[in-house]
C-alpha atoms as a PDB file:
ATOM      1  CA  UNK A   1     134.626  64.848  39.429  1.00  0.00           C
ATOM      2  CA  UNK A   2     132.536  65.885  42.491  1.00  0.00           C
ATOM      3  CA  UNK A   3     131.593  69.439  43.402  1.00  0.00           C
ATOM      4  CA  UNK A   4     131.515  70.869  47.056  1.00  0.00           C
ATOM      5  CA  UNK A   5     130.158  68.299  49.542  1.00  0.00           C
ATOM      6  CA  UNK A   6     127.580  70.223  51.777  1.00  0.00           C
ATOM      7  CA  UNK A   7     128.085  70.666  55.192  1.00  0.00           C
ATOM      8  CA  UNK A   8     126.222  68.556  57.728  1.00  0.00           C
ATOM      9  CA  UNK A   9     124.438  71.718  59.022  1.00  0.00           C
ATOM     10  CA  UNK A  10     123.264  72.561  55.394  1.00  0.00           C
ATOM     11  CA  UNK A  11     121.922  68.923  55.073  1.00  0.00           C
ATOM     12  CA  UNK A  12     120.081  69.348  58.285  1.00  0.00           C
ATOM     13  CA  UNK A  13     118.702  72.287  57.535  1.00  0.00           C
ATOM     14  CA  UNK A  14     117.475  71.003  54.119  1.00  0.00           C
ATOM     15  CA  UNK A  15     115.889  68.273  55.816  1.00  0.00           C
ATOM     16  CA  UNK A  16     114.160  70.566  58.340  1.00  0.00           C
ATOM     17  CA  UNK A  17     112.770  72.763  55.640  1.00  0.00           C
ATOM     18  CA  UNK A  18     111.318  69.929  53.619  1.00  0.00           C
ATOM     19  CA  UNK A  19     109.787  68.457  56.872  1.00  0.00           C
ATOM     20  CA  UNK A  20     108.322  71.922  57.509  1.00  0.00           C
ATOM     21  CA  UNK A  21     106.546  71.498  54.152  1.00  0.00           C
ATOM     22  CA  UNK A  22     104.957  68.409  55.305  1.00  0.00           C
ATOM     23  CA  UNK A  23     107.324  65.801  54.049  1.00  0.00           C
ATOM     24  CA  UNK A  24     109.215  62.868  55.454  1.00  0.00           C
ATOM     25  CA  UNK A  25     112.338  64.073  54.388  1.00  0.00           C
ATOM     26  CA  UNK A  26     115.153  61.093  54.753  1.00  0.00           C
ATOM     27  CA  UNK A  27     119.010  61.917  55.022  1.00  0.00           C
ATOM     28  CA  UNK A  28     120.343  58.602  53.425  1.00  0.00           C
ATOM     29  CA  UNK A  29     124.046  59.287  53.093  1.00  0.00           C
ATOM     30  CA  UNK A  30     125.099  59.924  56.791  1.00  0.00           C
ATOM     31  CA  UNK A  31     128.014  57.502  56.274  1.00  0.00           C
ATOM     32  CA  UNK A  32     129.711  57.303  52.846  1.00  0.00           C
ATOM     33  CA  UNK A  33     127.958  55.705  50.137  1.00  0.00           C
ATOM     34  CA  UNK A  34     130.288  54.028  47.691  1.00  0.00           C
ATOM     35  CA  UNK A  35     128.683  51.065  46.053  1.00  0.00           C
ATOM     36  CA  UNK A  36     125.522  48.821  46.375  1.00  0.00           C
ATOM     37  CA  UNK A  37     126.333  47.402  49.515  1.00  0.00           C
ATOM     38  CA  UNK A  38     126.600  50.599  51.318  1.00  0.00           C
ATOM     39  CA  UNK A  39     123.760  52.320  49.403  1.00  0.00           C
ATOM     40  CA  UNK A  40     121.386  49.271  50.589  1.00  0.00           C
ATOM     41  CA  UNK A  41     122.477  49.618  54.068  1.00  0.00           C
ATOM     42  CA  UNK A  42     122.368  53.279  54.337  1.00  0.00           C
ATOM     43  CA  UNK A  43     118.798  53.118  52.858  1.00  0.00           C
ATOM     44  CA  UNK A  44     118.028  50.379  55.317  1.00  0.00           C
ATOM     45  CA  UNK A  45     118.901  52.343  58.160  1.00  0.00           C
ATOM     46  CA  UNK A  46     117.620  55.760  56.996  1.00  0.00           C
ATOM     47  CA  UNK A  47     114.213  54.997  55.768  1.00  0.00           C
ATOM     48  CA  UNK A  48     114.075  52.546  58.029  1.00  0.00           C
ATOM     49  CA  UNK A  49     113.057  49.296  56.252  1.00  0.00           C
ATOM     50  CA  UNK A  50     111.841  46.262  58.029  1.00  0.00           C
ATOM     51  CA  UNK A  51     114.057  43.255  59.082  1.00  0.00           C
ATOM     52  CA  UNK A  52     112.996  41.254  56.021  1.00  0.00           C
ATOM     53  CA  UNK A  53     114.213  43.553  53.475  1.00  0.00           C
ATOM     54  CA  UNK A  54     116.347  41.604  51.111  1.00  0.00           C
ATOM     55  CA  UNK A  55     119.390  43.858  50.095  1.00  0.00           C
ATOM     56  CA  UNK A  56     118.712  43.754  46.460  1.00  0.00           C
ATOM     57  CA  UNK A  57     117.201  46.006  43.770  1.00  0.00           C
ATOM     58  CA  UNK A  58     113.860  44.323  43.942  1.00  0.00           C
ATOM     59  CA  UNK A  59     113.497  44.376  47.550  1.00  0.00           C
ATOM     60  CA  UNK A  60     114.717  48.059  47.391  1.00  0.00           C
ATOM     61  CA  UNK A  61     111.920  49.079  44.717  1.00  0.00           C
ATOM     62  CA  UNK A  62     109.369  47.246  46.786  1.00  0.00           C
ATOM     63  CA  UNK A  63     110.346  49.063  49.972  1.00  0.00           C
ATOM     64  CA  UNK A  64     110.511  52.618  48.511  1.00  0.00           C
ATOM     65  CA  UNK A  65     106.721  52.275  47.629  1.00  0.00           C
ATOM     66  CA  UNK A  66     106.387  53.850  51.267  1.00  0.00           C
ATOM     67  CA  UNK A  67     104.413  52.935  54.129  1.00  0.00           C
ATOM     68  CA  UNK A  68     100.862  51.476  53.466  1.00  0.00           C
ATOM     69  CA  UNK A  69      99.370  54.128  55.895  1.00  0.00           C
ATOM     70  CA  UNK A  70      97.061  56.079  53.669  1.00  0.00           C
ATOM     71  CA  UNK A  71      97.865  59.249  56.050  1.00  0.00           C
ATOM     72  CA  UNK A  72     101.515  59.061  55.654  1.00  0.00           C
ATOM     73  CA  UNK A  73     103.324  62.126  54.577  1.00  0.00           C
ATOM     74  CA  UNK A  74     104.976  61.814  51.005  1.00  0.00           C
ATOM     75  CA  UNK A  75     108.722  61.031  51.215  1.00  0.00           C
ATOM     76  CA  UNK A  76     111.828  62.531  49.682  1.00  0.00           C
ATOM     77  CA  UNK A  77     115.507  61.061  49.830  1.00  0.00           C
ATOM     78  CA  UNK A  78     118.147  63.534  50.450  1.00  0.00           C
ATOM     79  CA  UNK A  79     121.687  62.661  49.579  1.00  0.00           C
ATOM     80  CA  UNK A  80     124.647  65.008  50.674  1.00  0.00           C
ATOM     81  CA  UNK A  81     127.102  63.179  48.340  1.00  0.00           C
ATOM     82  CA  UNK A  82     125.698  61.314  45.614  1.00  0.00           C
ATOM     83  CA  UNK A  83     128.482  62.160  43.608  1.00  0.00           C
ATOM     84  CA  UNK A  84     130.782  59.582  45.601  1.00  0.00           C
ATOM     85  CA  UNK A  85     128.571  56.582  44.201  1.00  0.00           C
ATOM     86  CA  UNK A  86     128.412  58.068  40.916  1.00  0.00           C
ATOM     87  CA  UNK A  87     132.035  58.134  40.562  1.00  0.00           C
ATOM     88  CA  UNK A  88     132.863  54.826  42.266  1.00  0.00           C
ATOM     89  CA  UNK A  89     130.042  52.851  40.917  1.00  0.00           C
ATOM     90  CA  UNK A  90     128.408  54.676  37.957  1.00  0.00           C
ATOM     91  CA  UNK A  91     126.182  51.630  37.000  1.00  0.00           C
ATOM     92  CA  UNK A  92     124.901  51.250  40.497  1.00  0.00           C
ATOM     93  CA  UNK A  93     124.149  54.926  40.838  1.00  0.00           C
ATOM     94  CA  UNK A  94     122.538  54.617  37.517  1.00  0.00           C
ATOM     95  CA  UNK A  95     120.172  51.563  38.532  1.00  0.00           C
ATOM     96  CA  UNK A  96     119.431  52.869  41.835  1.00  0.00           C
ATOM     97  CA  UNK A  97     118.099  56.327  40.209  1.00  0.00           C
ATOM     98  CA  UNK A  98     116.125  54.735  37.625  1.00  0.00           C
ATOM     99  CA  UNK A  99     114.569  52.814  40.522  1.00  0.00           C
ATOM    100  CA  UNK A 100     113.774  56.210  42.434  1.00  0.00           C
ATOM    101  CA  UNK A 101     112.315  57.648  39.219  1.00  0.00           C
ATOM    102  CA  UNK A 102     110.076  54.572  38.591  1.00  0.00           C
ATOM    103  CA  UNK A 103     108.826  54.573  42.049  1.00  0.00           C
ATOM    104  CA  UNK A 104     108.438  58.209  42.336  1.00  0.00           C
ATOM    105  CA  UNK A 105     106.358  58.211  39.145  1.00  0.00           C
ATOM    106  CA  UNK A 106     103.707  55.667  40.428  1.00  0.00           C
ATOM    107  CA  UNK A 107     100.379  57.172  41.860  1.00  0.00           C
ATOM    108  CA  UNK A 108     100.947  54.024  44.519  1.00  0.00           C
ATOM    109  CA  UNK A 109     104.137  55.470  45.791  1.00  0.00           C
ATOM    110  CA  UNK A 110     104.626  58.005  48.695  1.00  0.00           C
ATOM    111  CA  UNK A 111     107.870  58.580  47.295  1.00  0.00           C
ATOM    112  CA  UNK A 112     108.208  62.093  45.652  1.00  0.00           C
ATOM    113  CA  UNK A 113     111.742  61.671  44.624  1.00  0.00           C
ATOM    114  CA  UNK A 114     115.268  62.314  45.371  1.00  0.00           C
ATOM    115  CA  UNK A 115     117.121  65.858  46.492  1.00  0.00           C
ATOM    116  CA  UNK A 116     120.850  66.283  46.299  1.00  0.00           C
ATOM    117  CA  UNK A 117     121.800  68.692  49.133  1.00  0.00           C
ATOM    118  CA  UNK A 118     124.299  71.392  47.906  1.00  0.00           C
ATOM    119  CA  UNK A 119     122.777  71.220  44.221  1.00  0.00           C
ATOM    120  CA  UNK A 120     121.048  74.675  43.951  1.00  0.00           C
ATOM    121  CA  UNK A 121     119.182  73.742  40.822  1.00  0.00           C
ATOM    122  CA  UNK A 122     117.771  70.596  41.991  1.00  0.00           C
ATOM    123  CA  UNK A 123     116.956  71.661  45.395  1.00  0.00           C
ATOM    124  CA  UNK A 124     115.095  74.622  43.888  1.00  0.00           C
ATOM    125  CA  UNK A 125     113.017  72.928  41.425  1.00  0.00           C
ATOM    126  CA  UNK A 126     111.942  70.810  44.028  1.00  0.00           C
ATOM    127  CA  UNK A 127     111.365  72.775  46.700  1.00  0.00           C
ATOM    128  CA  UNK A 128     109.274  75.010  44.248  1.00  0.00           C
ATOM    129  CA  UNK A 129     107.012  71.886  43.628  1.00  0.00           C
ATOM    130  CA  UNK A 130     106.375  71.033  47.070  1.00  0.00           C
ATOM    131  CA  UNK A 131     105.874  74.696  48.857  1.00  0.00           C
END
């Protein structure tokens, strides 16, 4: 069962704090994300991805490596209610999180990872690493 979904103001404040730390903080789930289709569309709009984005897992993995500009700030994905996806389609959530972990672990990637707004432990660990 999902915990408390953070208020929009809390997410905006988190995104602002991450941006102040020099990150490209991208709030992904401004609209509900509950399956693979809504997840890929939310990422397409939030990141933003190019018009040739293929709306599949391979295309997402390629796109998450980030801009080719070496001066681009590191990116972090911010989710307000990832639990909704985990409840509705746990396999989709697992595949997505595996892709994020794989891309974030690559030295060629500008993606640092994912932050769950409202998850004090996750947020604190991540913010300590970037501050």
